[in-house]
Amino acid sequence: MDESKDLEYLDTDWKLATVYTAFLYPKSQQDAIRLIYKSSKRIGDKTLDIRNPANWIIDTREKLMERGYLIRTDNKLKNSIIKADIEPIVQSLIAAGMDGGRDHEVQEGVRLVLDSDWFRNFFSDEFLNNPITYRNGTVYEPYHDIVKENPSWSHLMIDDLKNRLFQLLSEIGYYSNNMRWVLLEEIDPDTNTFYYNKNDPLLEGLLTLQRFDSVIEKYRDLIPSPFIKDYSFCIEKKHLHHSYDFFPERLIKRLLNDYGGLLMPMTVSIFLSRCPYKSEIRRLDFGYIYKEFSYYRRADKRDPPI
């Protein structure tokens, strides 16, 4: 269709935003219904299925498919796997007017990162039902108050999707960029300028492989294992100031342990870090992590593998 695709349209109706989000992690229509509606009534050891046919979910899914927001990944007549197109997110990022938004290589890098299994997993059942929290236990804002609880069932209901996505993307970019900066200085402090420019070999590799998941698979073994261990230790230090209770520790650990943050091209992470969003919680100051990490820096320096 000719209509432009962006997040503004999804934010006109929570039903549109909810169904789109449900399919960010690919699944069948029935699995999407099960994700959006969950019964909490039990008979013995069994949980009752929701009997509501959820016609609004089916109608909304059809509307989003007609407009190109959802895409079939196969030709099955039944139980077809559907995924959300990430182009509305990319177009909204470009429309935000951030530096780097006119660079076609950066745009393509962002598309490939967002269309990866790695990124889509942030919207799997695991994350939507068991969301990231801040260190003090408060639910991380992009996931806050998305499940409405009732006596017999719970219901996924998402509003303000653009702001939620922009905060998640901005902080993924911010934390990834800082992680990679520390990693590069750990390997060779003389290479930082090179890794900040357009010739970042990871961006070149991403554009060549056309899959961020393939970049992670190809380069993950080149990350020094002591780095991940020592960096994790610095995050887990017990004497962090109380003001750091509000940082998404699980998010940072996933960027680290799944290698996504360490292997994201800096041009992409810098671009994402500039996403505008509204939040009352300030980011973790990575100056603290950097200072702590310096005490554990490895003695054997070598040229950067990537």
C-alpha atoms as a PDB file:
ATOM      1  CA  MET A   1       0.000   0.000   0.000  1.00  0.00           C
ATOM      2  CA  ASP A   2       0.994   3.619  -0.456  1.00  0.00           C
ATOM      3  CA  GLU A   3       0.564   4.737   3.150  1.00  0.00           C
ATOM      4  CA  SER A   4       3.787   5.531   4.942  1.00  0.00           C
ATOM      5  CA  LYS A   5       4.547   3.278   7.891  1.00  0.00           C
ATOM      6  CA  ASP A   6       5.591   4.749  11.223  1.00  0.00           C
ATOM      7  CA  LEU A   7       4.996   4.414  14.953  1.00  0.00           C
ATOM      8  CA  GLU A   8       2.676   7.428  15.050  1.00  0.00           C
ATOM      9  CA  TYR A   9      -0.034   5.349  13.392  1.00  0.00           C
ATOM     10  CA  LEU A  10       0.360   2.530  15.926  1.00  0.00           C
ATOM     11  CA  ASP A  11       0.046   4.996  18.796  1.00  0.00           C
ATOM     12  CA  THR A  12      -3.404   6.084  17.594  1.00  0.00           C
ATOM     13  CA  ASP A  13      -4.920   2.928  19.148  1.00  0.00           C
ATOM     14  CA  TRP A  14      -3.573   0.659  21.874  1.00  0.00           C
ATOM     15  CA  LYS A  15      -4.963  -2.344  19.969  1.00  0.00           C
ATOM     16  CA  LEU A  16      -2.729  -1.579  16.994  1.00  0.00           C
ATOM     17  CA  ALA A  17       0.317  -1.117  19.232  1.00  0.00           C
ATOM     18  CA  THR A  18      -0.402  -4.267  21.230  1.00  0.00           C
ATOM     19  CA  VAL A  19      -0.850  -6.590  18.246  1.00  0.00           C
ATOM     20  CA  TYR A  20       2.199  -5.109  16.472  1.00  0.00           C
ATOM     21  CA  THR A  21       4.301  -5.652  19.602  1.00  0.00           C
ATOM     22  CA  ALA A  22       2.997  -9.205  19.994  1.00  0.00           C
ATOM     23  CA  PHE A  23       4.402 -10.052  16.563  1.00  0.00           C
ATOM     24  CA  LEU A  24       7.771  -8.326  16.950  1.00  0.00           C
ATOM     25  CA  TYR A  25       8.891 -11.783  18.026  1.00  0.00           C
ATOM     26  CA  PRO A  26       7.575 -13.984  15.145  1.00  0.00           C
ATOM     27  CA  LYS A  27       4.709 -16.322  16.008  1.00  0.00           C
ATOM     28  CA  SER A  28       1.407 -17.720  14.806  1.00  0.00           C
ATOM     29  CA  GLN A  29      -1.865 -15.892  15.315  1.00  0.00           C
ATOM     30  CA  GLN A  30      -2.923 -18.385  17.973  1.00  0.00           C
ATOM     31  CA  ASP A  31       0.330 -17.886  19.867  1.00  0.00           C
ATOM     32  CA  ALA A  32      -0.218 -14.117  19.673  1.00  0.00           C
ATOM     33  CA  ILE A  33      -3.682 -14.532  21.183  1.00  0.00           C
ATOM     34  CA  ARG A  34      -2.222 -16.701  23.955  1.00  0.00           C
ATOM     35  CA  LEU A  35       0.399 -14.035  24.615  1.00  0.00           C
ATOM     36  CA  ILE A  36      -2.101 -11.186  24.769  1.00  0.00           C
ATOM     37  CA  TYR A  37      -4.642 -13.074  26.888  1.00  0.00           C
ATOM     38  CA  LYS A  38      -3.603 -15.402  29.679  1.00  0.00           C
ATOM     39  CA  SER A  39      -5.967 -17.210  32.026  1.00  0.00           C
ATOM     40  CA  SER A  40      -5.149 -17.394  35.714  1.00  0.00           C
ATOM     41  CA  LYS A  41      -8.088 -19.680  36.605  1.00  0.00           C
ATOM     42  CA  ARG A  42      -7.018 -23.187  37.518  1.00  0.00           C
ATOM     43  CA  ILE A  43      -8.767 -26.490  38.016  1.00  0.00           C
ATOM     44  CA  GLY A  44      -6.398 -28.875  39.743  1.00  0.00           C
ATOM     45  CA  ASP A  45      -3.079 -28.640  37.943  1.00  0.00           C
ATOM     46  CA  LYS A  46      -4.541 -27.174  34.727  1.00  0.00           C
ATOM     47  CA  THR A  47      -4.945 -23.560  33.710  1.00  0.00           C
ATOM     48  CA  LEU A  48      -8.131 -22.794  31.821  1.00  0.00           C
ATOM     49  CA  ASP A  49      -7.830 -21.521  28.263  1.00  0.00           C
ATOM     50  CA  ILE A  50      -9.329 -18.145  27.462  1.00  0.00           C
ATOM     51  CA  ARG A  51     -12.645 -18.833  25.742  1.00  0.00           C
ATOM     52  CA  ASN A  52     -12.901 -15.326  24.340  1.00  0.00           C
ATOM     53  CA  PRO A  53     -12.196 -15.712  20.599  1.00  0.00           C
ATOM     54  CA  ALA A  54     -10.401 -12.365  20.742  1.00  0.00           C
ATOM     55  CA  ASN A  55     -11.952 -11.180  17.490  1.00  0.00           C
ATOM     56  CA  TRP A  56     -10.407  -7.761  17.992  1.00  0.00           C
ATOM     57  CA  ILE A  57      -6.944  -9.330  17.814  1.00  0.00           C
ATOM     58  CA  ILE A  58      -7.775 -11.082  14.545  1.00  0.00           C
ATOM     59  CA  ASP A  59      -9.349  -7.932  13.072  1.00  0.00           C
ATOM     60  CA  THR A  60      -6.379  -5.809  14.146  1.00  0.00           C
ATOM     61  CA  ARG A  61      -3.919  -8.351  12.765  1.00  0.00           C
ATOM     62  CA  GLU A  62      -5.700  -8.244   9.391  1.00  0.00           C
ATOM     63  CA  LYS A  63      -5.666  -4.435   9.383  1.00  0.00           C
ATOM     64  CA  LEU A  64      -1.945  -4.331  10.148  1.00  0.00           C
ATOM     65  CA  MET A  65      -1.201  -6.895   7.449  1.00  0.00           C
ATOM     66  CA  GLU A  66      -3.157  -4.865   4.899  1.00  0.00           C
ATOM     67  CA  ARG A  67      -1.042  -1.813   5.723  1.00  0.00           C
ATOM     68  CA  GLY A  68       2.224  -3.779   5.666  1.00  0.00           C
ATOM     69  CA  TYR A  69       2.999  -3.563   9.378  1.00  0.00           C
ATOM     70  CA  LEU A  70       2.873  -7.358   9.685  1.00  0.00           C
ATOM     71  CA  ILE A  71       4.388  -9.877   7.270  1.00  0.00           C
ATOM     72  CA  ARG A  72       3.849 -13.599   6.724  1.00  0.00           C
ATOM     73  CA  THR A  73       7.103 -15.551   6.772  1.00  0.00           C
ATOM     74  CA  ASP A  74       5.699 -18.625   4.969  1.00  0.00           C
ATOM     75  CA  ASN A  75       2.883 -19.763   2.688  1.00  0.00           C
ATOM     76  CA  LYS A  76       1.009 -21.937   5.179  1.00  0.00           C
ATOM     77  CA  LEU A  77      -2.777 -21.711   5.270  1.00  0.00           C
ATOM     78  CA  LYS A  78      -2.874 -22.555   8.976  1.00  0.00           C
ATOM     79  CA  ASN A  79      -0.516 -21.649  11.796  1.00  0.00           C
ATOM     80  CA  SER A  80       1.420 -19.320   9.508  1.00  0.00           C
ATOM     81  CA  ILE A  81       4.279 -17.527  11.274  1.00  0.00           C
ATOM     82  CA  ILE A  82       3.864 -13.763  11.186  1.00  0.00           C
ATOM     83  CA  LYS A  83       6.363 -11.085  12.156  1.00  0.00           C
ATOM     84  CA  ALA A  84       6.205  -7.336  12.602  1.00  0.00           C
ATOM     85  CA  ASP A  85       7.975  -5.302   9.934  1.00  0.00           C
ATOM     86  CA  ILE A  86      10.631  -3.134  11.596  1.00  0.00           C
ATOM     87  CA  GLU A  87      10.432  -0.457   8.883  1.00  0.00           C
ATOM     88  CA  PRO A  88       7.948   1.657  10.921  1.00  0.00           C
ATOM     89  CA  ILE A  89      10.552   1.817  13.697  1.00  0.00           C
ATOM     90  CA  VAL A  90      13.336   2.731  11.267  1.00  0.00           C
ATOM     91  CA  GLN A  91      11.229   5.416   9.566  1.00  0.00           C
ATOM     92  CA  SER A  92      10.304   6.930  12.936  1.00  0.00           C
ATOM     93  CA  LEU A  93      13.968   6.996  13.929  1.00  0.00           C
ATOM     94  CA  ILE A  94      14.905   8.761  10.694  1.00  0.00           C
ATOM     95  CA  ALA A  95      12.007  11.220  11.109  1.00  0.00           C
ATOM     96  CA  ALA A  96      13.333  12.132  14.558  1.00  0.00           C
ATOM     97  CA  GLY A  97      16.132  13.985  12.755  1.00  0.00           C
ATOM     98  CA  MET A  98      19.048  12.537  14.701  1.00  0.00           C
ATOM     99  CA  ASP A  99      22.620  12.935  13.465  1.00  0.00           C
ATOM    100  CA  GLY A 100      23.506  10.089  11.144  1.00  0.00           C
ATOM    101  CA  GLY A 101      19.927   9.576  10.020  1.00  0.00           C
ATOM    102  CA  ARG A 102      20.741  10.586   6.448  1.00  0.00           C
ATOM    103  CA  ASP A 103      23.642   8.160   6.157  1.00  0.00           C
ATOM    104  CA  HIS A 104      22.291   5.242   4.119  1.00  0.00           C
ATOM    105  CA  GLU A 105      24.893   2.817   5.474  1.00  0.00           C
ATOM    106  CA  VAL A 106      23.943   3.672   9.041  1.00  0.00           C
ATOM    107  CA  GLN A 107      20.241   3.340   8.170  1.00  0.00           C
ATOM    108  CA  GLU A 108      20.856  -0.115   6.709  1.00  0.00           C
ATOM    109  CA  GLY A 109      22.925  -1.088   9.744  1.00  0.00           C
ATOM    110  CA  VAL A 110      20.050  -0.050  12.014  1.00  0.00           C
ATOM    111  CA  ARG A 111      17.587  -2.088   9.916  1.00  0.00           C
ATOM    112  CA  LEU A 112      19.737  -5.189  10.149  1.00  0.00           C
ATOM    113  CA  VAL A 113      20.192  -4.856  13.912  1.00  0.00           C
ATOM    114  CA  LEU A 114      16.458  -4.337  14.523  1.00  0.00           C
ATOM    115  CA  ASP A 115      15.468  -7.172  12.175  1.00  0.00           C
ATOM    116  CA  SER A 116      17.714  -9.642  13.995  1.00  0.00           C
ATOM    117  CA  ASP A 117      16.629 -12.530  16.183  1.00  0.00           C
ATOM    118  CA  TRP A 118      18.845 -10.937  18.822  1.00  0.00           C
ATOM    119  CA  PHE A 119      16.788  -7.721  18.968  1.00  0.00           C
ATOM    120  CA  ARG A 120      13.383  -9.317  18.426  1.00  0.00           C
ATOM    121  CA  ASN A 121      14.006 -11.494  21.467  1.00  0.00           C
ATOM    122  CA  PHE A 122      13.421  -8.402  23.639  1.00  0.00           C
ATOM    123  CA  PHE A 123       9.735  -8.925  22.739  1.00  0.00           C
ATOM    124  CA  SER A 124       9.559 -12.662  23.266  1.00  0.00           C
ATOM    125  CA  ASP A 125       7.093 -14.124  25.755  1.00  0.00           C
ATOM    126  CA  GLU A 126       9.964 -14.339  28.245  1.00  0.00           C
ATOM    127  CA  PHE A 127      10.587 -10.588  28.257  1.00  0.00           C
ATOM    128  CA  LEU A 128       6.948  -9.470  28.000  1.00  0.00           C
ATOM    129  CA  ASN A 129       5.817 -11.786  30.803  1.00  0.00           C
ATOM    130  CA  ASN A 130       8.969 -11.448  32.905  1.00  0.00           C
ATOM    131  CA  PRO A 131      10.187  -7.938  32.066  1.00  0.00           C
ATOM    132  CA  ILE A 132      13.507  -6.296  32.754  1.00  0.00           C
ATOM    133  CA  THR A 133      13.585  -4.455  36.064  1.00  0.00           C
ATOM    134  CA  TYR A 134      15.786  -1.782  37.522  1.00  0.00           C
ATOM    135  CA  ARG A 135      18.211  -2.905  40.204  1.00  0.00           C
ATOM    136  CA  ASN A 136      15.729  -1.910  42.933  1.00  0.00           C
ATOM    137  CA  GLY A 137      13.031  -4.171  41.466  1.00  0.00           C
ATOM    138  CA  THR A 138      10.944  -1.507  39.708  1.00  0.00           C
ATOM    139  CA  VAL A 139       9.874  -2.619  36.227  1.00  0.00           C
ATOM    140  CA  TYR A 140      12.011  -1.068  33.485  1.00  0.00           C
ATOM    141  CA  GLU A 141      10.028   1.753  31.862  1.00  0.00           C
ATOM    142  CA  PRO A 142       9.708   0.302  28.304  1.00  0.00           C
ATOM    143  CA  TYR A 143       7.901  -2.682  29.877  1.00  0.00           C
ATOM    144  CA  HIS A 144       6.159  -0.863  32.711  1.00  0.00           C
ATOM    145  CA  ASP A 145       2.413  -1.411  33.106  1.00  0.00           C
ATOM    146  CA  ILE A 146       1.925  -3.374  29.882  1.00  0.00           C
ATOM    147  CA  VAL A 147       0.068  -6.255  31.554  1.00  0.00           C
ATOM    148  CA  LYS A 148      -3.353  -5.530  33.033  1.00  0.00           C
ATOM    149  CA  GLU A 149      -4.257  -7.992  35.794  1.00  0.00           C
ATOM    150  CA  ASN A 150      -7.788  -9.225  36.436  1.00  0.00           C
ATOM    151  CA  PRO A 151      -9.118 -11.859  38.864  1.00  0.00           C
ATOM    152  CA  SER A 152      -9.340 -14.562  36.184  1.00  0.00           C
ATOM    153  CA  TRP A 153      -6.979 -13.407  33.419  1.00  0.00           C
ATOM    154  CA  SER A 154      -4.212 -11.013  32.458  1.00  0.00           C
ATOM    155  CA  HIS A 155      -4.249  -8.898  29.335  1.00  0.00           C
ATOM    156  CA  LEU A 156      -1.337  -7.385  27.379  1.00  0.00           C
ATOM    157  CA  MET A 157      -2.142  -3.739  26.671  1.00  0.00           C
ATOM    158  CA  ILE A 158       0.475  -1.412  25.234  1.00  0.00           C
ATOM    159  CA  ASP A 159       0.216   2.323  24.800  1.00  0.00           C
ATOM    160  CA  ASP A 160       2.841   5.002  24.077  1.00  0.00           C
ATOM    161  CA  LEU A 161       4.724   2.452  21.970  1.00  0.00           C
ATOM    162  CA  LYS A 162       6.991   4.966  20.264  1.00  0.00           C
ATOM    163  CA  ASN A 163       8.342   6.312  23.545  1.00  0.00           C
ATOM    164  CA  ARG A 164       8.796   2.772  24.926  1.00  0.00           C
ATOM    165  CA  LEU A 165      10.725   1.642  21.848  1.00  0.00           C
ATOM    166  CA  PHE A 166      12.791   4.821  21.674  1.00  0.00           C
ATOM    167  CA  GLN A 167      13.876   4.483  25.301  1.00  0.00           C
ATOM    168  CA  LEU A 168      14.821   0.829  24.836  1.00  0.00           C
ATOM    169  CA  LEU A 169      16.724   1.578  21.622  1.00  0.00           C
ATOM    170  CA  SER A 170      18.406   4.655  23.075  1.00  0.00           C
ATOM    171  CA  GLU A 171      19.663   2.748  26.089  1.00  0.00           C
ATOM    172  CA  ILE A 172      20.711  -0.259  24.010  1.00  0.00           C
ATOM    173  CA  GLY A 173      22.752   2.179  21.931  1.00  0.00           C
ATOM    174  CA  TYR A 174      24.145   4.037  24.934  1.00  0.00           C
ATOM    175  CA  TYR A 175      25.201   0.967  26.907  1.00  0.00           C
ATOM    176  CA  SER A 176      26.492  -0.849  23.798  1.00  0.00           C
ATOM    177  CA  ASN A 177      28.621   2.119  22.768  1.00  0.00           C
ATOM    178  CA  ASN A 178      30.136   2.430  26.225  1.00  0.00           C
ATOM    179  CA  MET A 179      30.825  -1.291  26.441  1.00  0.00           C
ATOM    180  CA  ARG A 180      32.579  -1.286  23.094  1.00  0.00           C
ATOM    181  CA  TRP A 181      34.595   1.782  24.013  1.00  0.00           C
ATOM    182  CA  VAL A 182      35.907   0.043  27.138  1.00  0.00           C
ATOM    183  CA  LEU A 183      36.536  -3.165  25.157  1.00  0.00           C
ATOM    184  CA  LEU A 184      38.581  -1.348  22.514  1.00  0.00           C
ATOM    185  CA  GLU A 185      40.645   0.497  25.083  1.00  0.00           C
ATOM    186  CA  GLU A 186      41.216  -2.799  26.841  1.00  0.00           C
ATOM    187  CA  ILE A 187      42.569  -4.274  23.602  1.00  0.00           C
ATOM    188  CA  ASP A 188      44.434  -1.314  22.149  1.00  0.00           C
ATOM    189  CA  PRO A 189      43.858   2.320  23.191  1.00  0.00           C
ATOM    190  CA  ASP A 190      45.344   3.618  19.938  1.00  0.00           C
ATOM    191  CA  THR A 191      42.491   2.281  17.787  1.00  0.00           C
ATOM    192  CA  ASN A 192      39.541   4.149  19.242  1.00  0.00           C
ATOM    193  CA  THR A 193      39.432   6.882  16.594  1.00  0.00           C
ATOM    194  CA  PHE A 194      39.373   4.290  13.827  1.00  0.00           C
ATOM    195  CA  TYR A 195      36.465   2.456  15.398  1.00  0.00           C
ATOM    196  CA  TYR A 196      34.412   5.620  15.685  1.00  0.00           C
ATOM    197  CA  ASN A 197      34.463   6.514  12.000  1.00  0.00           C
ATOM    198  CA  LYS A 198      32.507   5.180   9.023  1.00  0.00           C
ATOM    199  CA  ASN A 199      35.160   2.558   8.360  1.00  0.00           C
ATOM    200  CA  ASP A 200      34.210   0.585  11.454  1.00  0.00           C
ATOM    201  CA  PRO A 201      34.904  -2.977  10.252  1.00  0.00           C
ATOM    202  CA  LEU A 202      31.861  -4.237  12.127  1.00  0.00           C
ATOM    203  CA  LEU A 203      29.565  -2.019  10.053  1.00  0.00           C
ATOM    204  CA  GLU A 204      31.272  -3.256   6.905  1.00  0.00           C
ATOM    205  CA  GLY A 205      30.924  -6.834   8.109  1.00  0.00           C
ATOM    206  CA  LEU A 206      27.242  -6.304   8.968  1.00  0.00           C
ATOM    207  CA  LEU A 207      26.479  -4.855   5.532  1.00  0.00           C
ATOM    208  CA  THR A 208      28.313  -7.773   3.907  1.00  0.00           C
ATOM    209  CA  LEU A 209      26.697 -10.539   5.952  1.00  0.00           C
ATOM    210  CA  GLN A 210      23.264  -8.824   5.958  1.00  0.00           C
ATOM    211  CA  ARG A 211      22.418 -10.391   9.332  1.00  0.00           C
ATOM    212  CA  PHE A 212      23.353  -9.067  12.755  1.00  0.00           C
ATOM    213  CA  ASP A 213      22.938 -12.582  14.152  1.00  0.00           C
ATOM    214  CA  SER A 214      25.634 -13.737  11.713  1.00  0.00           C
ATOM    215  CA  VAL A 215      27.966 -10.971  12.913  1.00  0.00           C
ATOM    216  CA  ILE A 216      27.535 -12.170  16.501  1.00  0.00           C
ATOM    217  CA  GLU A 217      28.139 -15.778  15.492  1.00  0.00           C
ATOM    218  CA  LYS A 218      31.224 -14.914  13.426  1.00  0.00           C
ATOM    219  CA  TYR A 219      33.002 -12.634  15.899  1.00  0.00           C
ATOM    220  CA  ARG A 220      31.882 -13.680  19.377  1.00  0.00           C
ATOM    221  CA  ASP A 221      34.848 -16.008  19.940  1.00  0.00           C
ATOM    222  CA  LEU A 222      37.227 -13.093  19.372  1.00  0.00           C
ATOM    223  CA  ILE A 223      35.994 -11.252  22.471  1.00  0.00           C
ATOM    224  CA  PRO A 224      38.455 -11.918  25.329  1.00  0.00           C
ATOM    225  CA  SER A 225      36.548 -13.971  27.904  1.00  0.00           C
ATOM    226  CA  PRO A 226      38.247 -12.197  30.857  1.00  0.00           C
ATOM    227  CA  PHE A 227      36.719  -8.954  29.632  1.00  0.00           C
ATOM    228  CA  ILE A 228      33.150 -10.188  30.091  1.00  0.00           C
ATOM    229  CA  LYS A 229      33.942 -11.643  33.511  1.00  0.00           C
ATOM    230  CA  ASP A 230      35.673  -8.507  34.783  1.00  0.00           C
ATOM    231  CA  TYR A 231      33.093  -6.142  33.297  1.00  0.00           C
ATOM    232  CA  SER A 232      30.281  -8.125  34.933  1.00  0.00           C
ATOM    233  CA  PHE A 233      32.128  -7.967  38.238  1.00  0.00           C
ATOM    234  CA  CYS A 234      32.326  -4.169  38.027  1.00  0.00           C
ATOM    235  CA  ILE A 235      28.570  -3.930  37.423  1.00  0.00           C
ATOM    236  CA  GLU A 236      27.815  -6.220  40.339  1.00  0.00           C
ATOM    237  CA  LYS A 237      29.990  -4.328  42.810  1.00  0.00           C
ATOM    238  CA  LYS A 238      28.041  -4.010  46.038  1.00  0.00           C
ATOM    239  CA  HIS A 239      29.234  -0.510  46.894  1.00  0.00           C
ATOM    240  CA  LEU A 240      27.513   1.231  43.971  1.00  0.00           C
ATOM    241  CA  HIS A 241      25.979   4.481  45.175  1.00  0.00           C
ATOM    242  CA  HIS A 242      22.242   4.217  45.946  1.00  0.00           C
ATOM    243  CA  SER A 243      21.436   6.535  43.019  1.00  0.00           C
ATOM    244  CA  TYR A 244      22.418   3.665  40.728  1.00  0.00           C
ATOM    245  CA  ASP A 245      19.507   1.568  41.960  1.00  0.00           C
ATOM    246  CA  PHE A 246      17.724   2.786  38.849  1.00  0.00           C
ATOM    247  CA  PHE A 247      19.589   1.100  36.043  1.00  0.00           C
ATOM    248  CA  PRO A 248      18.451  -1.930  34.016  1.00  0.00           C
ATOM    249  CA  GLU A 249      21.036  -4.471  35.134  1.00  0.00           C
ATOM    250  CA  ARG A 250      19.462  -7.353  33.184  1.00  0.00           C
ATOM    251  CA  LEU A 251      19.536  -5.289  29.983  1.00  0.00           C
ATOM    252  CA  ILE A 252      23.222  -4.484  30.437  1.00  0.00           C
ATOM    253  CA  LYS A 253      24.060  -8.104  31.199  1.00  0.00           C
ATOM    254  CA  ARG A 254      22.243  -9.279  28.088  1.00  0.00           C
ATOM    255  CA  LEU A 255      24.143  -6.792  25.911  1.00  0.00           C
ATOM    256  CA  LEU A 256      27.306  -8.177  27.447  1.00  0.00           C
ATOM    257  CA  ASN A 257      26.656 -11.907  27.735  1.00  0.00           C
ATOM    258  CA  ASP A 258      24.868 -12.275  24.378  1.00  0.00           C
ATOM    259  CA  TYR A 259      27.609 -10.194  22.697  1.00  0.00           C
ATOM    260  CA  GLY A 260      25.084  -7.887  21.003  1.00  0.00           C
ATOM    261  CA  GLY A 261      26.364  -4.790  22.762  1.00  0.00           C
ATOM    262  CA  LEU A 262      30.000  -5.690  22.209  1.00  0.00           C
ATOM    263  CA  LEU A 263      29.532  -6.404  18.500  1.00  0.00           C
ATOM    264  CA  MET A 264      27.166  -3.606  17.507  1.00  0.00           C
ATOM    265  CA  PRO A 265      28.855  -1.197  15.056  1.00  0.00           C
ATOM    266  CA  MET A 266      29.615   2.065  16.829  1.00  0.00           C
ATOM    267  CA  THR A 267      27.969   4.134  14.106  1.00  0.00           C
ATOM    268  CA  VAL A 268      24.743   2.214  14.800  1.00  0.00           C
ATOM    269  CA  SER A 269      25.001   2.338  18.593  1.00  0.00           C
ATOM    270  CA  ILE A 270      25.781   6.080  18.567  1.00  0.00           C
ATOM    271  CA  PHE A 271      22.796   6.710  16.282  1.00  0.00           C
ATOM    272  CA  LEU A 272      20.459   4.689  18.508  1.00  0.00           C
ATOM    273  CA  SER A 273      21.758   6.341  21.672  1.00  0.00           C
ATOM    274  CA  ARG A 274      20.430   9.685  20.409  1.00  0.00           C
ATOM    275  CA  CYS A 275      16.791   8.564  20.204  1.00  0.00           C
ATOM    276  CA  PRO A 276      14.630  11.183  21.944  1.00  0.00           C
ATOM    277  CA  TYR A 277      12.383   9.845  24.705  1.00  0.00           C
ATOM    278  CA  LYS A 278      10.719  10.932  27.930  1.00  0.00           C
ATOM    279  CA  SER A 279      11.908   9.415  31.190  1.00  0.00           C
ATOM    280  CA  GLU A 280      12.349  10.511  34.780  1.00  0.00           C
ATOM    281  CA  ILE A 281      15.216   8.071  35.348  1.00  0.00           C
ATOM    282  CA  ARG A 282      18.768   8.983  34.404  1.00  0.00           C
ATOM    283  CA  ARG A 283      21.159   6.534  32.854  1.00  0.00           C
ATOM    284  CA  LEU A 284      23.960   4.832  34.693  1.00  0.00           C
ATOM    285  CA  ASP A 285      27.149   6.901  34.523  1.00  0.00           C
ATOM    286  CA  PHE A 286      29.655   4.675  32.781  1.00  0.00           C
ATOM    287  CA  GLY A 287      32.529   6.746  34.098  1.00  0.00           C
ATOM    288  CA  TYR A 288      32.192   4.689  37.274  1.00  0.00           C
ATOM    289  CA  ILE A 289      32.335   1.382  35.379  1.00  0.00           C
ATOM    290  CA  TYR A 290      35.313   2.555  33.376  1.00  0.00           C
ATOM    291  CA  LYS A 291      37.255   3.544  36.491  1.00  0.00           C
ATOM    292  CA  GLU A 292      36.436   0.264  38.193  1.00  0.00           C
ATOM    293  CA  PHE A 293      37.370  -1.737  35.135  1.00  0.00           C
ATOM    294  CA  SER A 294      40.770  -0.062  34.877  1.00  0.00           C
ATOM    295  CA  TYR A 295      41.805  -1.947  38.013  1.00  0.00           C
ATOM    296  CA  TYR A 296      41.144  -5.255  36.293  1.00  0.00           C
ATOM    297  CA  ARG A 297      42.561  -4.465  32.851  1.00  0.00           C
ATOM    298  CA  ARG A 298      44.533  -7.323  31.400  1.00  0.00           C
ATOM    299  CA  ALA A 299      48.283  -6.885  31.036  1.00  0.00           C
ATOM    300  CA  ASP A 300      48.569  -8.634  27.664  1.00  0.00           C
ATOM    301  CA  LYS A 301      47.563  -6.074  25.045  1.00  0.00           C
ATOM    302  CA  ARG A 302      47.110  -7.122  21.447  1.00  0.00           C
ATOM    303  CA  ASP A 303      45.716  -5.694  18.218  1.00  0.00           C
ATOM    304  CA  PRO A 304      41.929  -5.611  18.075  1.00  0.00           C
ATOM    305  CA  PRO A 305      40.515  -8.697  16.340  1.00  0.00           C
ATOM    306  CA  ILE A 306      37.523  -6.807  14.995  1.00  0.00           C
END
